[in-house]
Amino acid sequence: GEMSIVGPRPHALRTTAGGRMCEDVVDRYSR
């Protein structure tokens, strides 16, 4: 019950994009 077959792929806790944390790049990230 932690995941679904289809849905947004889970990201690792320290995943970055372009050297920045995902939450800092996209303000809607947590949605």
PDB file of all heavy atoms in Angstrom:
ATOM      1  N   GLY A   1       0.791  -1.216   0.000  1.00  0.00           N
ATOM      2  CA  GLY A   1       0.000   0.000   0.000  1.00  0.00           C
ATOM      3  C   GLY A   1       0.826   1.270   0.000  1.00  0.00           C
ATOM      4  O   GLY A   1       0.267   2.368   0.135  1.00  0.00           O
ATOM      5  N   GLU A   2       2.137   1.164  -0.181  1.00  0.00           N
ATOM      6  CA  GLU A   2       3.007   2.341  -0.173  1.00  0.00           C
ATOM      7  C   GLU A   2       3.117   2.985  -1.552  1.00  0.00           C
ATOM      8  O   GLU A   2       3.453   4.167  -1.663  1.00  0.00           O
ATOM      9  CB  GLU A   2       4.399   1.952   0.314  1.00  0.00           C
ATOM     10  CG  GLU A   2       4.416   1.411   1.729  1.00  0.00           C
ATOM     11  CD  GLU A   2       5.734   0.741   2.083  1.00  0.00           C
ATOM     12  OE1 GLU A   2       6.419   0.249   1.157  1.00  0.00           O
ATOM     13  OE2 GLU A   2       6.070   0.692   3.277  1.00  0.00           O
ATOM     14  N   MET A   3       2.871   2.177  -2.591  1.00  0.00           N
ATOM     15  CA  MET A   3       2.968   2.663  -3.961  1.00  0.00           C
ATOM     16  C   MET A   3       1.769   2.173  -4.756  1.00  0.00           C
ATOM     17  O   MET A   3       0.991   1.347  -4.280  1.00  0.00           O
ATOM     18  CB  MET A   3       4.281   2.176  -4.617  1.00  0.00           C
ATOM     19  CG  MET A   3       5.541   2.770  -4.042  1.00  0.00           C
ATOM     20  SD  MET A   3       7.050   2.147  -4.866  1.00  0.00           S
ATOM     21  CE  MET A   3       6.804   2.729  -6.553  1.00  0.00           C
ATOM     22  N   SER A   4       1.648   2.704  -5.964  1.00  0.00           N
ATOM     23  CA  SER A   4       0.617   2.270  -6.903  1.00  0.00           C
ATOM     24  C   SER A   4       1.317   1.801  -8.174  1.00  0.00           C
ATOM     25  O   SER A   4       2.497   2.095  -8.391  1.00  0.00           O
ATOM     26  CB  SER A   4      -0.343   3.422  -7.212  1.00  0.00           C
ATOM     27  OG  SER A   4      -1.354   3.021  -8.106  1.00  0.00           O
ATOM     28  N   ILE A   5       0.617   1.051  -9.005  1.00  0.00           N
ATOM     29  CA  ILE A   5       1.217   0.623 -10.269  1.00  0.00           C
ATOM     30  C   ILE A   5       1.537   1.839 -11.131  1.00  0.00           C
ATOM     31  O   ILE A   5       2.606   1.939 -11.725  1.00  0.00           O
ATOM     32  CB  ILE A   5       0.280  -0.338 -11.027  1.00  0.00           C
ATOM     33  CG1 ILE A   5       0.107  -1.648 -10.241  1.00  0.00           C
ATOM     34  CG2 ILE A   5       0.805  -0.630 -12.413  1.00  0.00           C
ATOM     35  CD1 ILE A   5       1.390  -2.441 -10.075  1.00  0.00           C
ATOM     36  N   VAL A   6       0.606   2.789 -11.196  1.00  0.00           N
ATOM     37  CA  VAL A   6       0.801   3.998 -11.999  1.00  0.00           C
ATOM     38  C   VAL A   6       0.700   5.220 -11.093  1.00  0.00           C
ATOM     39  O   VAL A   6      -0.215   5.333 -10.274  1.00  0.00           O
ATOM     40  CB  VAL A   6      -0.250   4.103 -13.120  1.00  0.00           C
ATOM     41  CG1 VAL A   6      -0.019   5.362 -13.946  1.00  0.00           C
ATOM     42  CG2 VAL A   6      -0.209   2.871 -14.011  1.00  0.00           C
ATOM     43  N   GLY A   7       1.640   6.128 -11.247  1.00  0.00           N
ATOM     44  CA  GLY A   7       1.666   7.350 -10.453  1.00  0.00           C
ATOM     45  C   GLY A   7       2.992   8.056 -10.660  1.00  0.00           C
ATOM     46  O   GLY A   7       3.876   7.552 -11.367  1.00  0.00           O
ATOM     47  N   PRO A   8       3.180   9.217 -10.078  1.00  0.00           N
ATOM     48  CA  PRO A   8       4.478   9.903 -10.187  1.00  0.00           C
ATOM     49  C   PRO A   8       5.591   9.044  -9.585  1.00  0.00           C
ATOM     50  O   PRO A   8       5.426   8.491  -8.500  1.00  0.00           O
ATOM     51  CB  PRO A   8       4.267  11.185  -9.368  1.00  0.00           C
ATOM     52  CG  PRO A   8       2.787  11.366  -9.298  1.00  0.00           C
ATOM     53  CD  PRO A   8       2.197   9.995  -9.294  1.00  0.00           C
ATOM     54  N   ARG A   9       6.692   8.921 -10.281  1.00  0.00           N
ATOM     55  CA  ARG A   9       7.792   8.107  -9.774  1.00  0.00           C
ATOM     56  C   ARG A   9       8.353   8.723  -8.496  1.00  0.00           C
ATOM     57  O   ARG A   9       8.553   9.943  -8.403  1.00  0.00           O
ATOM     58  CB  ARG A   9       8.904   8.013 -10.815  1.00  0.00           C
ATOM     59  CG  ARG A   9       8.594   7.066 -11.955  1.00  0.00           C
ATOM     60  CD  ARG A   9       8.587   5.626 -11.509  1.00  0.00           C
ATOM     61  NE  ARG A   9       9.905   5.202 -11.025  1.00  0.00           N
ATOM     62  CZ  ARG A   9      10.100   4.195 -10.178  1.00  0.00           C
ATOM     63  NH1 ARG A   9       9.065   3.541  -9.681  1.00  0.00           N
ATOM     64  NH2 ARG A   9      11.302   3.857  -9.808  1.00  0.00           N
ATOM     65  N   PRO A  10       8.631   7.895  -7.476  1.00  0.00           N
ATOM     66  CA  PRO A  10       9.194   8.433  -6.230  1.00  0.00           C
ATOM     67  C   PRO A  10      10.655   8.827  -6.416  1.00  0.00           C
ATOM     68  O   PRO A  10      11.417   8.124  -7.080  1.00  0.00           O
ATOM     69  CB  PRO A  10       9.055   7.250  -5.258  1.00  0.00           C
ATOM     70  CG  PRO A  10       9.097   6.031  -6.128  1.00  0.00           C
ATOM     71  CD  PRO A  10       8.430   6.429  -7.418  1.00  0.00           C
ATOM     72  N   HIS A  11      11.031   9.953  -5.851  1.00  0.00           N
ATOM     73  CA  HIS A  11      12.408  10.436  -5.924  1.00  0.00           C
ATOM     74  C   HIS A  11      13.131  10.172  -4.612  1.00  0.00           C
ATOM     75  O   HIS A  11      12.518  10.227  -3.541  1.00  0.00           O
ATOM     76  CB  HIS A  11      12.441  11.939  -6.228  1.00  0.00           C
ATOM     77  CG  HIS A  11      11.944  12.280  -7.596  1.00  0.00           C
ATOM     78  ND1 HIS A  11      11.667  13.574  -7.988  1.00  0.00           N
ATOM     79  CD2 HIS A  11      11.677  11.503  -8.676  1.00  0.00           C
ATOM     80  CE1 HIS A  11      11.249  13.577  -9.242  1.00  0.00           C
ATOM     81  NE2 HIS A  11      11.242  12.332  -9.672  1.00  0.00           N
ATOM     82  N   ALA A  12      14.407   9.902  -4.720  1.00  0.00           N
ATOM     83  CA  ALA A  12      15.229   9.740  -3.520  1.00  0.00           C
ATOM     84  C   ALA A  12      15.298  11.055  -2.751  1.00  0.00           C
ATOM     85  O   ALA A  12      15.081  12.140  -3.315  1.00  0.00           O
ATOM     86  CB  ALA A  12      16.629   9.263  -3.901  1.00  0.00           C
ATOM     87  N   LEU A  13      15.626  10.970  -1.468  1.00  0.00           N
ATOM     88  CA  LEU A  13      15.552  12.143  -0.595  1.00  0.00           C
ATOM     89  C   LEU A  13      16.484  13.271  -1.021  1.00  0.00           C
ATOM     90  O   LEU A  13      16.154  14.435  -0.878  1.00  0.00           O
ATOM     91  CB  LEU A  13      15.868  11.727   0.848  1.00  0.00           C
ATOM     92  CG  LEU A  13      14.986  10.632   1.466  1.00  0.00           C
ATOM     93  CD1 LEU A  13      15.304  10.494   2.943  1.00  0.00           C
ATOM     94  CD2 LEU A  13      13.510  10.949   1.261  1.00  0.00           C
ATOM     95  N   ARG A  14      17.624  12.930  -1.558  1.00  0.00           N
ATOM     96  CA  ARG A  14      18.607  13.961  -1.899  1.00  0.00           C
ATOM     97  C   ARG A  14      18.744  14.144  -3.410  1.00  0.00           C
ATOM     98  O   ARG A  14      19.790  14.562  -3.897  1.00  0.00           O
ATOM     99  CB  ARG A  14      19.966  13.602  -1.280  1.00  0.00           C
ATOM    100  CG  ARG A  14      19.919  13.512   0.242  1.00  0.00           C
ATOM    101  CD  ARG A  14      21.296  13.186   0.816  1.00  0.00           C
ATOM    102  NE  ARG A  14      22.275  14.215   0.483  1.00  0.00           N
ATOM    103  CZ  ARG A  14      22.434  15.344   1.158  1.00  0.00           C
ATOM    104  NH1 ARG A  14      21.675  15.593   2.207  1.00  0.00           N
ATOM    105  NH2 ARG A  14      23.349  16.215   0.802  1.00  0.00           N
ATOM    106  N   THR A  15      17.678  13.843  -4.142  1.00  0.00           N
ATOM    107  CA  THR A  15      17.716  13.991  -5.599  1.00  0.00           C
ATOM    108  C   THR A  15      17.868  15.466  -5.983  1.00  0.00           C
ATOM    109  O   THR A  15      17.204  16.335  -5.422  1.00  0.00           O
ATOM    110  CB  THR A  15      16.442  13.427  -6.244  1.00  0.00           C
ATOM    111  OG1 THR A  15      16.330  12.041  -5.912  1.00  0.00           O
ATOM    112  CG2 THR A  15      16.484  13.567  -7.758  1.00  0.00           C
ATOM    113  N   THR A  16      18.720  15.722  -6.945  1.00  0.00           N
ATOM    114  CA  THR A  16      18.968  17.096  -7.395  1.00  0.00           C
ATOM    115  C   THR A  16      18.758  17.193  -8.901  1.00  0.00           C
ATOM    116  O   THR A  16      18.735  16.195  -9.617  1.00  0.00           O
ATOM    117  CB  THR A  16      20.400  17.547  -7.066  1.00  0.00           C
ATOM    118  OG1 THR A  16      21.334  16.659  -7.719  1.00  0.00           O
ATOM    119  CG2 THR A  16      20.645  17.517  -5.568  1.00  0.00           C
ATOM    120  N   ALA A  17      18.618  18.418  -9.367  1.00  0.00           N
ATOM    121  CA  ALA A  17      18.534  18.702 -10.801  1.00  0.00           C
ATOM    122  C   ALA A  17      19.398  19.920 -11.068  1.00  0.00           C
ATOM    123  O   ALA A  17      19.158  20.992 -10.510  1.00  0.00           O
ATOM    124  CB  ALA A  17      17.086  18.968 -11.212  1.00  0.00           C
ATOM    125  N   GLY A  18      20.404  19.750 -11.881  1.00  0.00           N
ATOM    126  CA  GLY A  18      21.317  20.859 -12.147  1.00  0.00           C
ATOM    127  C   GLY A  18      22.067  21.305 -10.912  1.00  0.00           C
ATOM    128  O   GLY A  18      22.419  22.481 -10.789  1.00  0.00           O
ATOM    129  N   GLY A  19      22.285  20.380  -9.974  1.00  0.00           N
ATOM    130  CA  GLY A  19      23.026  20.706  -8.760  1.00  0.00           C
ATOM    131  C   GLY A  19      22.183  21.315  -7.658  1.00  0.00           C
ATOM    132  O   GLY A  19      22.700  21.644  -6.585  1.00  0.00           O
ATOM    133  N   ARG A  20      20.892  21.491  -7.862  1.00  0.00           N
ATOM    134  CA  ARG A  20      20.005  22.080  -6.846  1.00  0.00           C
ATOM    135  C   ARG A  20      18.959  21.075  -6.422  1.00  0.00           C
ATOM    136  O   ARG A  20      18.523  20.233  -7.205  1.00  0.00           O
ATOM    137  CB  ARG A  20      19.319  23.330  -7.394  1.00  0.00           C
ATOM    138  CG  ARG A  20      20.256  24.452  -7.791  1.00  0.00           C
ATOM    139  CD  ARG A  20      19.486  25.573  -8.465  1.00  0.00           C
ATOM    140  NE  ARG A  20      18.481  26.156  -7.567  1.00  0.00           N
ATOM    141  CZ  ARG A  20      17.489  26.930  -7.977  1.00  0.00           C
ATOM    142  NH1 ARG A  20      17.341  27.187  -9.277  1.00  0.00           N
ATOM    143  NH2 ARG A  20      16.622  27.437  -7.120  1.00  0.00           N
ATOM    144  N   MET A  21      18.541  21.168  -5.157  1.00  0.00           N
ATOM    145  CA  MET A  21      17.497  20.297  -4.657  1.00  0.00           C
ATOM    146  C   MET A  21      16.192  20.559  -5.413  1.00  0.00           C
ATOM    147  O   MET A  21      15.900  21.693  -5.789  1.00  0.00           O
ATOM    148  CB  MET A  21      17.289  20.513  -3.159  1.00  0.00           C
ATOM    149  CG  MET A  21      18.511  20.166  -2.313  1.00  0.00           C
ATOM    150  SD  MET A  21      18.925  18.408  -2.378  1.00  0.00           S
ATOM    151  CE  MET A  21      17.507  17.698  -1.514  1.00  0.00           C
ATOM    152  N   CYS A  22      15.439  19.487  -5.633  1.00  0.00           N
ATOM    153  CA  CYS A  22      14.216  19.603  -6.435  1.00  0.00           C
ATOM    154  C   CYS A  22      13.263  20.644  -5.863  1.00  0.00           C
ATOM    155  O   CYS A  22      12.642  21.416  -6.614  1.00  0.00           O
ATOM    156  CB  CYS A  22      13.513  18.244  -6.505  1.00  0.00           C
ATOM    157  SG  CYS A  22      14.466  16.975  -7.368  1.00  0.00           S
ATOM    158  N   GLU A  23      13.112  20.685  -4.534  1.00  0.00           N
ATOM    159  CA  GLU A  23      12.192  21.633  -3.904  1.00  0.00           C
ATOM    160  C   GLU A  23      12.588  23.078  -4.178  1.00  0.00           C
ATOM    161  O   GLU A  23      11.742  23.977  -4.187  1.00  0.00           O
ATOM    162  CB  GLU A  23      12.138  21.412  -2.389  1.00  0.00           C
ATOM    163  CG  GLU A  23      11.609  20.037  -1.982  1.00  0.00           C
ATOM    164  CD  GLU A  23      12.724  19.013  -1.875  1.00  0.00           C
ATOM    165  OE1 GLU A  23      13.797  19.222  -2.505  1.00  0.00           O
ATOM    166  OE2 GLU A  23      12.534  18.011  -1.178  1.00  0.00           O
ATOM    167  N   ASP A  24      13.891  23.322  -4.409  1.00  0.00           N
ATOM    168  CA  ASP A  24      14.370  24.674  -4.668  1.00  0.00           C
ATOM    169  C   ASP A  24      14.178  25.080  -6.127  1.00  0.00           C
ATOM    170  O   ASP A  24      14.161  26.266  -6.448  1.00  0.00           O
ATOM    171  CB  ASP A  24      15.857  24.787  -4.298  1.00  0.00           C
ATOM    172  CG  ASP A  24      16.104  24.527  -2.819  1.00  0.00           C
ATOM    173  OD1 ASP A  24      15.186  24.823  -2.019  1.00  0.00           O
ATOM    174  OD2 ASP A  24      17.185  24.025  -2.467  1.00  0.00           O
ATOM    175  N   VAL A  25      14.035  24.095  -7.004  1.00  0.00           N
ATOM    176  CA  VAL A  25      13.897  24.379  -8.432  1.00  0.00           C
ATOM    177  C   VAL A  25      12.437  24.638  -8.798  1.00  0.00           C
ATOM    178  O   VAL A  25      12.119  25.576  -9.525  1.00  0.00           O
ATOM    179  CB  VAL A  25      14.447  23.213  -9.274  1.00  0.00           C
ATOM    180  CG1 VAL A  25      14.219  23.474 -10.768  1.00  0.00           C
ATOM    181  CG2 VAL A  25      15.927  23.013  -8.987  1.00  0.00           C
ATOM    182  N   VAL A  26      11.520  23.807  -8.288  1.00  0.00           N
ATOM    183  CA  VAL A  26      10.094  23.894  -8.616  1.00  0.00           C
ATOM    184  C   VAL A  26       9.302  24.058  -7.327  1.00  0.00           C
ATOM    185  O   VAL A  26       9.315  23.166  -6.475  1.00  0.00           O
ATOM    186  CB  VAL A  26       9.618  22.634  -9.374  1.00  0.00           C
ATOM    187  CG1 VAL A  26       8.140  22.758  -9.730  1.00  0.00           C
ATOM    188  CG2 VAL A  26      10.454  22.411 -10.621  1.00  0.00           C
ATOM    189  N   ASP A  27       8.615  25.185  -7.185  1.00  0.00           N
ATOM    190  CA  ASP A  27       7.894  25.435  -5.937  1.00  0.00           C
ATOM    191  C   ASP A  27       6.684  24.517  -5.776  1.00  0.00           C
ATOM    192  O   ASP A  27       6.176  24.342  -4.672  1.00  0.00           O
ATOM    193  CB  ASP A  27       7.466  26.903  -5.841  1.00  0.00           C
ATOM    194  CG  ASP A  27       6.587  27.337  -7.010  1.00  0.00           C
ATOM    195  OD1 ASP A  27       6.382  26.528  -7.947  1.00  0.00           O
ATOM    196  OD2 ASP A  27       6.112  28.486  -6.985  1.00  0.00           O
ATOM    197  N   ARG A  28       6.193  23.922  -6.887  1.00  0.00           N
ATOM    198  CA  ARG A  28       5.051  23.006  -6.819  1.00  0.00           C
ATOM    199  C   ARG A  28       5.481  21.554  -6.669  1.00  0.00           C
ATOM    200  O   ARG A  28       4.673  20.644  -6.816  1.00  0.00           O
ATOM    201  CB  ARG A  28       4.208  23.146  -8.089  1.00  0.00           C
ATOM    202  CG  ARG A  28       3.623  24.531  -8.313  1.00  0.00           C
ATOM    203  CD  ARG A  28       2.752  24.552  -9.558  1.00  0.00           C
ATOM    204  NE  ARG A  28       3.519  24.259 -10.762  1.00  0.00           N
ATOM    205  CZ  ARG A  28       2.989  23.970 -11.951  1.00  0.00           C
ATOM    206  NH1 ARG A  28       1.669  23.928 -12.074  1.00  0.00           N
ATOM    207  NH2 ARG A  28       3.740  23.736 -13.001  1.00  0.00           N
ATOM    208  N   TYR A  29       6.746  21.351  -6.377  1.00  0.00           N
ATOM    209  CA  TYR A  29       7.305  20.003  -6.370  1.00  0.00           C
ATOM    210  C   TYR A  29       6.532  19.051  -5.452  1.00  0.00           C
ATOM    211  O   TYR A  29       6.209  17.922  -5.824  1.00  0.00           O
ATOM    212  CB  TYR A  29       8.773  20.062  -5.948  1.00  0.00           C
ATOM    213  CG  TYR A  29       9.433  18.716  -5.831  1.00  0.00           C
ATOM    214  CD1 TYR A  29       9.857  18.035  -6.966  1.00  0.00           C
ATOM    215  CD2 TYR A  29       9.637  18.116  -4.584  1.00  0.00           C
ATOM    216  CE1 TYR A  29      10.464  16.790  -6.865  1.00  0.00           C
ATOM    217  CE2 TYR A  29      10.236  16.883  -4.476  1.00  0.00           C
ATOM    218  CZ  TYR A  29      10.650  16.221  -5.625  1.00  0.00           C
ATOM    219  OH  TYR A  29      11.244  14.987  -5.518  1.00  0.00           O
ATOM    220  N   SER A  30       6.202  19.493  -4.245  1.00  0.00           N
ATOM    221  CA  SER A  30       5.573  18.607  -3.260  1.00  0.00           C
ATOM    222  C   SER A  30       4.141  18.219  -3.638  1.00  0.00           C
ATOM    223  O   SER A  30       3.595  17.281  -3.069  1.00  0.00           O
ATOM    224  CB  SER A  30       5.567  19.273  -1.876  1.00  0.00           C
ATOM    225  OG  SER A  30       6.876  19.393  -1.386  1.00  0.00           O
ATOM    226  N   ARG A  31       3.538  18.901  -4.607  1.00  0.00           N
ATOM    227  CA  ARG A  31       2.168  18.545  -4.993  1.00  0.00           C
ATOM    228  C   ARG A  31       2.097  17.174  -5.654  1.00  0.00           C
ATOM    229  O   ARG A  31       1.041  16.564  -5.705  1.00  0.00           O
ATOM    230  CB  ARG A  31       1.601  19.607  -5.938  1.00  0.00           C
ATOM    231  CG  ARG A  31       1.433  20.958  -5.275  1.00  0.00           C
ATOM    232  CD  ARG A  31       0.780  21.944  -6.226  1.00  0.00           C
ATOM    233  NE  ARG A  31       0.864  23.299  -5.710  1.00  0.00           N
ATOM    234  CZ  ARG A  31       0.468  24.371  -6.365  1.00  0.00           C
ATOM    235  NH1 ARG A  31      -0.064  24.238  -7.572  1.00  0.00           N
ATOM    236  NH2 ARG A  31       0.587  25.582  -5.845  1.00  0.00           N
TER     237      ARG A  31
END
